[in-house]
Protein backbone atom coordinates (compact mmCIF):
# COMPACT_ATOMS: atom_id res chain seq x y z
CA MET A 1 80.01 66.33 117.62
CA SER A 2 82.77 68.82 116.76
CA LYS A 3 85.87 70.45 118.12
CA LYS A 4 86.74 74.11 118.43
CA LEU A 5 89.62 75.30 116.34
CA ILE A 6 91.25 76.98 119.31
CA LEU A 7 90.81 78.03 122.89
CA THR A 8 90.86 74.71 124.68
CA LEU A 9 91.93 75.18 128.29
CA ALA A 10 95.52 74.39 127.41
CA PHE A 11 95.57 76.99 124.61
CA ILE A 12 93.82 79.98 126.15
CA LEU A 13 95.77 80.37 129.39
CA MET A 14 97.72 83.57 128.72
CA LEU A 15 98.47 86.89 130.34
CA ILE A 16 98.40 89.78 127.89
CA ILE A 17 101.15 91.90 129.43
CA THR A 18 101.00 95.66 128.86
CA GLY A 19 104.04 97.48 127.53
CA CYS A 20 104.82 99.21 130.83
CA ASN A 21 105.20 95.85 132.54
CA LEU A 22 107.47 94.27 129.95
CA PRO A 23 111.03 93.47 130.99
CA LYS A 24 113.87 95.34 129.37
CA ASN A 25 115.44 93.85 126.25
CA ASP A 26 112.26 91.93 125.47
CA PRO A 27 112.47 91.31 121.71
CA ASP A 28 109.45 91.08 119.45
CA ILE A 29 108.82 87.66 117.94
CA ALA A 30 105.81 88.59 115.81
CA SER A 31 103.60 91.41 114.63
CA VAL A 32 99.87 90.95 113.98
CA ASN A 33 98.40 93.86 112.04
CA GLY A 34 100.96 96.07 113.73
CA VAL A 35 100.43 94.67 117.26
CA LYS A 36 103.58 93.11 118.66
CA ILE A 37 104.03 89.78 120.41
CA THR A 38 107.11 89.72 122.63
CA ARG A 39 109.45 86.94 123.64
CA SER A 40 108.30 87.12 127.27
CA GLN A 41 104.66 86.77 126.20
CA PHE A 42 105.57 83.76 124.08
CA ASP A 43 107.60 82.19 126.89
CA GLN A 44 104.77 82.63 129.37
CA GLN A 45 102.20 81.10 127.01
CA TYR A 46 104.55 78.26 126.14
CA ASN A 47 105.21 77.49 129.81
CA LEU A 48 101.50 77.42 130.58
CA ILE A 49 100.79 75.04 127.72
CA LYS A 50 103.80 72.88 128.60
CA ASN A 51 102.81 72.76 132.29
CA ASP A 52 99.25 71.80 131.37
CA PHE A 53 100.49 69.04 129.07
CA GLU A 54 102.88 67.65 131.68
CA SER A 55 100.19 67.76 134.35
CA LYS A 56 97.70 65.84 132.22
CA GLN A 57 100.30 63.30 131.08
CA ASP A 58 101.91 63.03 134.54
CA ALA A 59 105.29 63.38 132.88
CA VAL A 60 108.09 65.89 132.43
CA LEU A 61 109.19 66.73 128.91
CA ASP A 62 112.85 66.09 128.18
CA GLU A 63 114.50 68.81 126.10
CA THR A 64 116.49 66.19 124.19
CA LYS A 65 114.28 63.10 123.95
CA ASP A 66 111.05 65.05 123.41
CA GLN A 67 112.41 67.71 121.08
CA ASP A 68 109.90 67.00 118.30
CA LEU A 69 106.97 67.32 120.70
CA ILE A 70 108.44 70.47 122.24
CA ASP A 71 108.82 71.98 118.77
CA ARG A 72 105.16 71.21 118.01
CA ILE A 73 104.07 72.84 121.28
CA LYS A 74 106.14 75.93 120.47
CA SER A 75 104.62 76.12 117.00
CA ALA A 76 101.11 75.77 118.44
CA THR A 77 101.95 78.45 121.02
CA PHE A 78 102.96 80.88 118.30
CA ASP A 79 99.80 80.19 116.27
CA GLU A 80 97.65 80.59 119.37
CA LEU A 81 99.16 83.94 120.29
CA VAL A 82 98.59 85.19 116.75
CA MET A 83 94.98 84.01 116.79
CA GLN A 84 94.33 85.61 120.17
CA ARG A 85 95.55 88.95 118.80
CA LEU A 86 93.26 88.55 115.78
CA ILE A 87 90.27 87.72 117.97
CA ARG A 88 90.87 90.79 120.14
CA GLN A 89 91.22 93.01 117.10
CA ASP A 90 88.16 91.61 115.34
CA ALA A 91 86.06 91.73 118.50
CA GLN A 92 86.91 95.41 118.83
CA LYS A 93 85.93 96.04 115.19
CA ASN A 94 82.59 94.37 115.91
CA SER A 95 82.07 96.41 119.10
CA ILE A 96 82.31 93.28 121.24
CA SER A 97 83.62 93.77 124.74
CA ILE A 98 83.64 91.90 128.04
CA ASP A 99 82.34 93.50 131.20
CA SER A 100 84.50 92.97 134.28
CA ALA A 101 81.39 91.79 136.15
CA GLU A 102 81.05 88.92 133.65
CA VAL A 103 84.62 87.84 134.28
CA ASP A 104 84.21 88.09 138.06
CA ALA A 105 81.02 86.01 138.00
CA ILE A 106 82.65 83.25 135.97
CA LEU A 107 85.77 83.36 138.14
CA ASN A 108 83.73 83.09 141.35
CA ASN A 109 81.81 80.10 139.99
CA PHE A 110 85.11 78.47 139.04
CA LYS A 111 86.50 79.09 142.54
CA GLN A 112 83.44 77.57 144.16
CA SER A 113 83.63 74.54 141.89
CA LYS A 114 87.29 73.90 142.63
CA ASN A 115 86.98 74.50 146.36
CA GLY A 116 83.85 72.37 146.46
CA ALA A 117 85.72 69.46 144.90
CA GLU A 118 88.58 69.59 147.42
CA VAL A 119 89.94 71.77 150.19
CA ASP A 120 91.87 74.72 148.73
CA GLY A 121 91.13 73.32 145.28
CA TYR A 122 91.29 76.72 143.61
CA GLN A 123 94.73 77.58 144.97
CA LYS A 124 95.96 74.09 144.14
CA PHE A 125 94.77 74.61 140.57
CA LEU A 126 96.64 77.92 140.26
CA SER A 127 99.77 76.43 141.81
CA GLY A 128 99.62 73.38 139.56
CA MET A 129 99.30 75.56 136.48
CA LYS A 130 101.90 78.06 137.79
CA MET A 131 99.59 80.94 137.08
CA SER A 132 98.13 83.89 138.95
CA GLU A 133 94.51 84.87 139.38
CA LYS A 134 95.15 87.71 136.92
CA ASP A 135 96.25 85.12 134.36
CA LEU A 136 93.01 83.22 134.89
CA GLN A 137 90.93 86.39 134.55
CA THR A 138 92.61 87.04 131.21
CA GLN A 139 91.87 83.47 130.15
CA ILE A 140 88.21 83.98 130.97
CA GLU A 141 88.13 87.27 129.09
CA ILE A 142 89.61 85.86 125.87
CA SER A 143 87.34 82.82 126.10
CA GLN A 144 84.30 85.09 126.41
CA LEU A 145 85.46 87.22 123.48
CA TYR A 146 85.78 84.05 121.42
CA ASP A 147 82.26 82.90 122.32
CA LYS A 148 80.69 86.29 121.65
CA LEU A 149 82.46 86.67 118.32
CA ARG A 150 81.43 83.15 117.35
CA ASP A 151 77.84 83.94 118.26
CA LYS A 152 77.88 87.10 116.15
CA VAL A 153 79.39 85.33 113.16
CA ALA A 154 77.55 82.00 113.26
CA GLY A 155 75.01 82.06 116.07
CA GLY A 156 72.09 82.54 113.71
CA ILE A 157 72.60 79.17 112.00
CA THR A 158 69.73 76.78 112.73
CA ILE A 159 68.71 73.33 111.51
CA SER A 160 65.27 72.57 110.11
CA ASP A 161 63.19 69.58 111.18
CA ALA A 162 63.57 68.14 107.68
CA ALA A 163 67.37 68.34 107.74
CA ALA A 164 67.49 66.78 111.20
CA GLU A 165 65.17 63.97 110.15
CA LYS A 166 67.31 63.23 107.10
CA TYR A 167 70.40 62.97 109.30
CA TYR A 168 68.47 60.69 111.67
CA LYS A 169 67.44 58.36 108.83
CA ASP A 170 70.93 58.35 107.30
CA ASN A 171 72.61 57.44 110.62
CA PRO A 172 70.33 55.02 112.50
CA SER A 173 73.17 53.41 114.46
CA LEU A 174 73.81 56.70 116.25
CA PHE A 175 70.39 56.57 117.85
CA GLU A 176 70.38 53.04 119.18
CA GLU A 177 69.96 52.79 122.93
CA PRO A 178 71.94 49.73 124.00
CA GLY A 179 70.47 46.95 126.01
CA GLY A 180 71.98 45.32 129.05
CA ILE A 181 71.34 44.58 132.67
CA GLN A 182 71.22 47.07 135.51
CA ILE A 183 74.08 46.35 137.88
CA TYR A 184 74.68 47.43 141.45
CA HIS A 185 77.73 46.73 143.59
CA ILE A 186 79.23 47.27 146.99
CA LEU A 187 83.00 47.66 146.88
CA VAL A 188 85.05 46.95 149.99
CA ASP A 189 88.79 46.69 150.56
CA THR A 190 89.09 43.38 152.40
CA GLU A 191 87.75 39.85 152.11
CA GLN A 192 86.66 40.01 155.74
CA LYS A 193 84.58 43.14 155.12
CA ALA A 194 83.04 41.49 152.06
CA ALA A 195 82.02 38.49 154.14
CA GLU A 196 80.45 40.83 156.69
CA VAL A 197 78.39 42.57 154.01
CA MET A 198 77.35 39.27 152.42
CA ALA A 199 76.16 38.00 155.79
CA LYS A 200 74.01 41.09 156.33
CA LEU A 201 72.49 40.74 152.87
CA LYS A 202 71.57 37.13 153.61
CA GLN A 203 69.86 38.37 156.78
CA GLY A 204 67.67 40.59 154.63
CA ASN A 205 69.42 43.94 155.03
CA ASP A 206 68.79 46.52 152.30
CA PHE A 207 71.43 46.51 149.54
CA ALA A 208 71.28 50.28 148.95
CA ALA A 209 71.66 51.04 152.64
CA LEU A 210 74.66 48.72 152.92
CA ALA A 211 76.22 50.30 149.83
CA LYS A 212 75.99 53.70 151.46
CA GLU A 213 77.46 52.38 154.69
CA TYR A 214 80.22 50.11 153.41
CA SER A 215 81.11 50.84 149.79
CA ILE A 216 84.37 52.63 149.06
CA ASP A 217 83.25 53.51 145.53
CA PRO A 218 82.47 57.27 145.77
CA GLY A 219 80.75 57.30 142.39
CA SER A 220 78.03 54.80 143.27
CA LYS A 221 77.73 54.38 147.05
CA ASP A 222 75.19 57.18 147.49
CA GLN A 223 73.16 55.85 144.54
CA GLY A 224 72.65 52.47 146.13
CA GLY A 225 75.67 51.07 144.33
CA ASP A 226 74.09 51.73 140.91
CA LEU A 227 76.57 51.33 138.03
CA GLY A 228 74.00 51.68 135.26
CA LEU A 229 73.45 49.28 132.38
CA VAL A 230 76.18 46.76 131.77
CA ASN A 231 76.65 44.81 128.54
CA ASP A 232 79.45 43.24 126.51
CA ASN A 233 80.69 46.66 125.43
CA THR A 234 80.90 48.14 128.92
CA ASN A 235 84.42 49.18 129.88
CA PHE A 236 84.76 47.29 133.14
CA VAL A 237 87.56 44.97 134.24
CA PRO A 238 86.97 41.49 132.74
CA GLU A 239 86.49 39.58 135.99
CA PHE A 240 83.84 42.02 137.20
CA LYS A 241 82.02 42.20 133.87
CA LYS A 242 81.98 38.42 133.47
CA ALA A 243 80.48 37.93 136.93
CA ALA A 244 77.92 40.72 136.43
CA LEU A 245 76.68 39.45 133.07
CA ALA A 246 76.31 35.91 134.45
CA LEU A 247 73.61 37.09 136.88
CA GLN A 248 69.86 37.03 136.30
CA SER A 249 67.58 39.91 137.26
CA GLY A 250 67.32 40.17 141.04
CA GLN A 251 70.18 37.76 141.62
CA LEU A 252 73.08 38.43 143.99
CA SER A 253 76.61 37.22 143.27
CA PRO A 254 77.20 34.04 145.33
CA GLN A 255 80.52 35.40 146.57
CA ALA A 256 82.47 38.64 146.39
CA ILE A 257 84.43 39.17 143.17
CA LYS A 258 88.05 40.21 143.66
CA THR A 259 89.59 42.78 141.28
CA ASP A 260 92.44 45.25 141.53
CA TYR A 261 89.96 47.67 143.10
CA GLY A 262 88.97 45.41 145.96
CA TYR A 263 86.08 43.02 146.62
CA HIS A 264 82.75 43.54 144.85
CA ILE A 265 79.38 42.25 146.00
CA ILE A 266 77.25 42.43 142.85
CA LYS A 267 73.50 42.59 142.42
CA ALA A 268 71.63 42.42 139.12
CA GLY A 269 68.61 44.60 138.42
CA ASN A 270 66.25 44.73 135.45
CA MET A 271 67.14 43.60 131.96
CA LYS A 272 66.71 46.11 129.15
CA THR A 273 66.56 45.24 125.47
CA ALA A 274 68.25 47.42 122.87
CA THR A 275 65.92 49.95 121.28
CA LEU A 276 66.03 52.56 118.53
CA LEU A 277 65.11 56.00 119.83
CA SER A 278 62.39 57.65 117.77
CA PHE A 279 63.06 60.83 115.83
CA GLU A 280 60.69 62.74 118.10
CA GLN A 281 62.70 61.61 121.13
CA VAL A 282 65.96 62.97 119.74
CA LYS A 283 64.80 65.78 117.45
CA GLU A 284 65.46 68.81 119.62
CA GLN A 285 68.84 67.64 120.89
CA LEU A 286 69.84 66.55 117.40
CA LYS A 287 68.93 69.95 115.96
CA LEU A 288 71.04 71.65 118.61
CA GLU A 289 74.04 69.40 117.95
CA LEU A 290 73.85 69.74 114.17
CA ALA A 291 73.47 73.51 114.46
CA ASN A 292 76.45 73.65 116.80
CA GLU A 293 78.51 71.63 114.33
CA GLN A 294 77.65 73.96 111.46
CA GLN A 295 78.31 77.01 113.62
CA ASP A 296 81.75 75.65 114.50
CA GLN A 297 82.55 74.95 110.86
CA THR A 298 81.41 78.40 109.78
CA PHE A 299 83.39 80.11 112.52
CA GLN A 300 86.48 78.04 111.75
CA ILE A 301 86.35 79.26 108.15
CA TYR A 302 85.91 82.82 109.43
CA LEU A 303 88.99 82.51 111.67
CA GLU A 304 91.01 81.05 108.82
CA GLN A 305 90.03 84.03 106.69
CA LEU A 306 91.09 86.39 109.47
CA MET A 307 94.45 84.65 109.53
CA ASN A 308 94.84 84.71 105.73
CA ASN A 309 93.92 88.39 105.46
CA ALA A 310 96.05 89.57 108.37
CA ASP A 311 99.43 91.23 108.13
CA ILE A 312 101.47 88.76 110.17
CA GLU A 313 105.24 89.02 110.57
CA ASP A 314 107.14 86.11 112.05
CA LEU A 315 110.18 87.68 113.68
CA ARG A 316 111.45 84.61 115.52
CA SER A 317 114.42 84.08 113.22
CA LYS A 318 115.45 87.74 113.18
């Protein structure tokens, strides 16, 4: 329901380089309460953010055509470096520290997740981001400092049942559970394969079993082809959605539906009417979300105050 002020993945990837490792003739570009930020630190942070942006957009920024965007990224890089210094300083004042075991545990979980998703996924991630494991460890550390500082500043904020119920009554549309029809499909890549599947279905073969055997849709094949509820607002390609919504419960599409993804054999499940979730059904989750929103707002104000009260020198033009 809210966004953090800072520390998205693109904005927390940074190596805090110690003075003994700095290259010669590395000018300072800023000072934050007496702590310097160097040109090499800025360049590294900027390159990480730029690489992340280009990777997500599948594009390469042009120094001439994209100058305005590049300038905005550089400005955001500077602000992020300043804020990271402030967070480190304030965490130290509040006796907040990160144990190396915490960082290692999070890093190991991240490795397992990436390698579980694809072979050598972790190394591919590091290569794609042009970063080292040490860089990633630093990212984890600053992220944990942020979370612990946020918890100290705003973690005690809670929402009462009465406040949650008022929000529920003032925003009923947010708690509507849409209706629709349960849709299953088997996606294959050729018309011939679709005809083969259709023939087996007509012979009485189990739809879920055939989905697991034939479907090339990795997101649904092991769930019996289940795509969930489909209605007029579902973001599916028009030809598929039109065919799916024309079916009655239990009905099978008379022929495979061709889309850019391949050939779909569609089956309709149960119809579900739209309903309004009761307050009791949503109360606990709503209280958590509203509390999180207020915590974010409170912490954002706190960070802005840190920034306003800090002695920050911008040395970029010197």
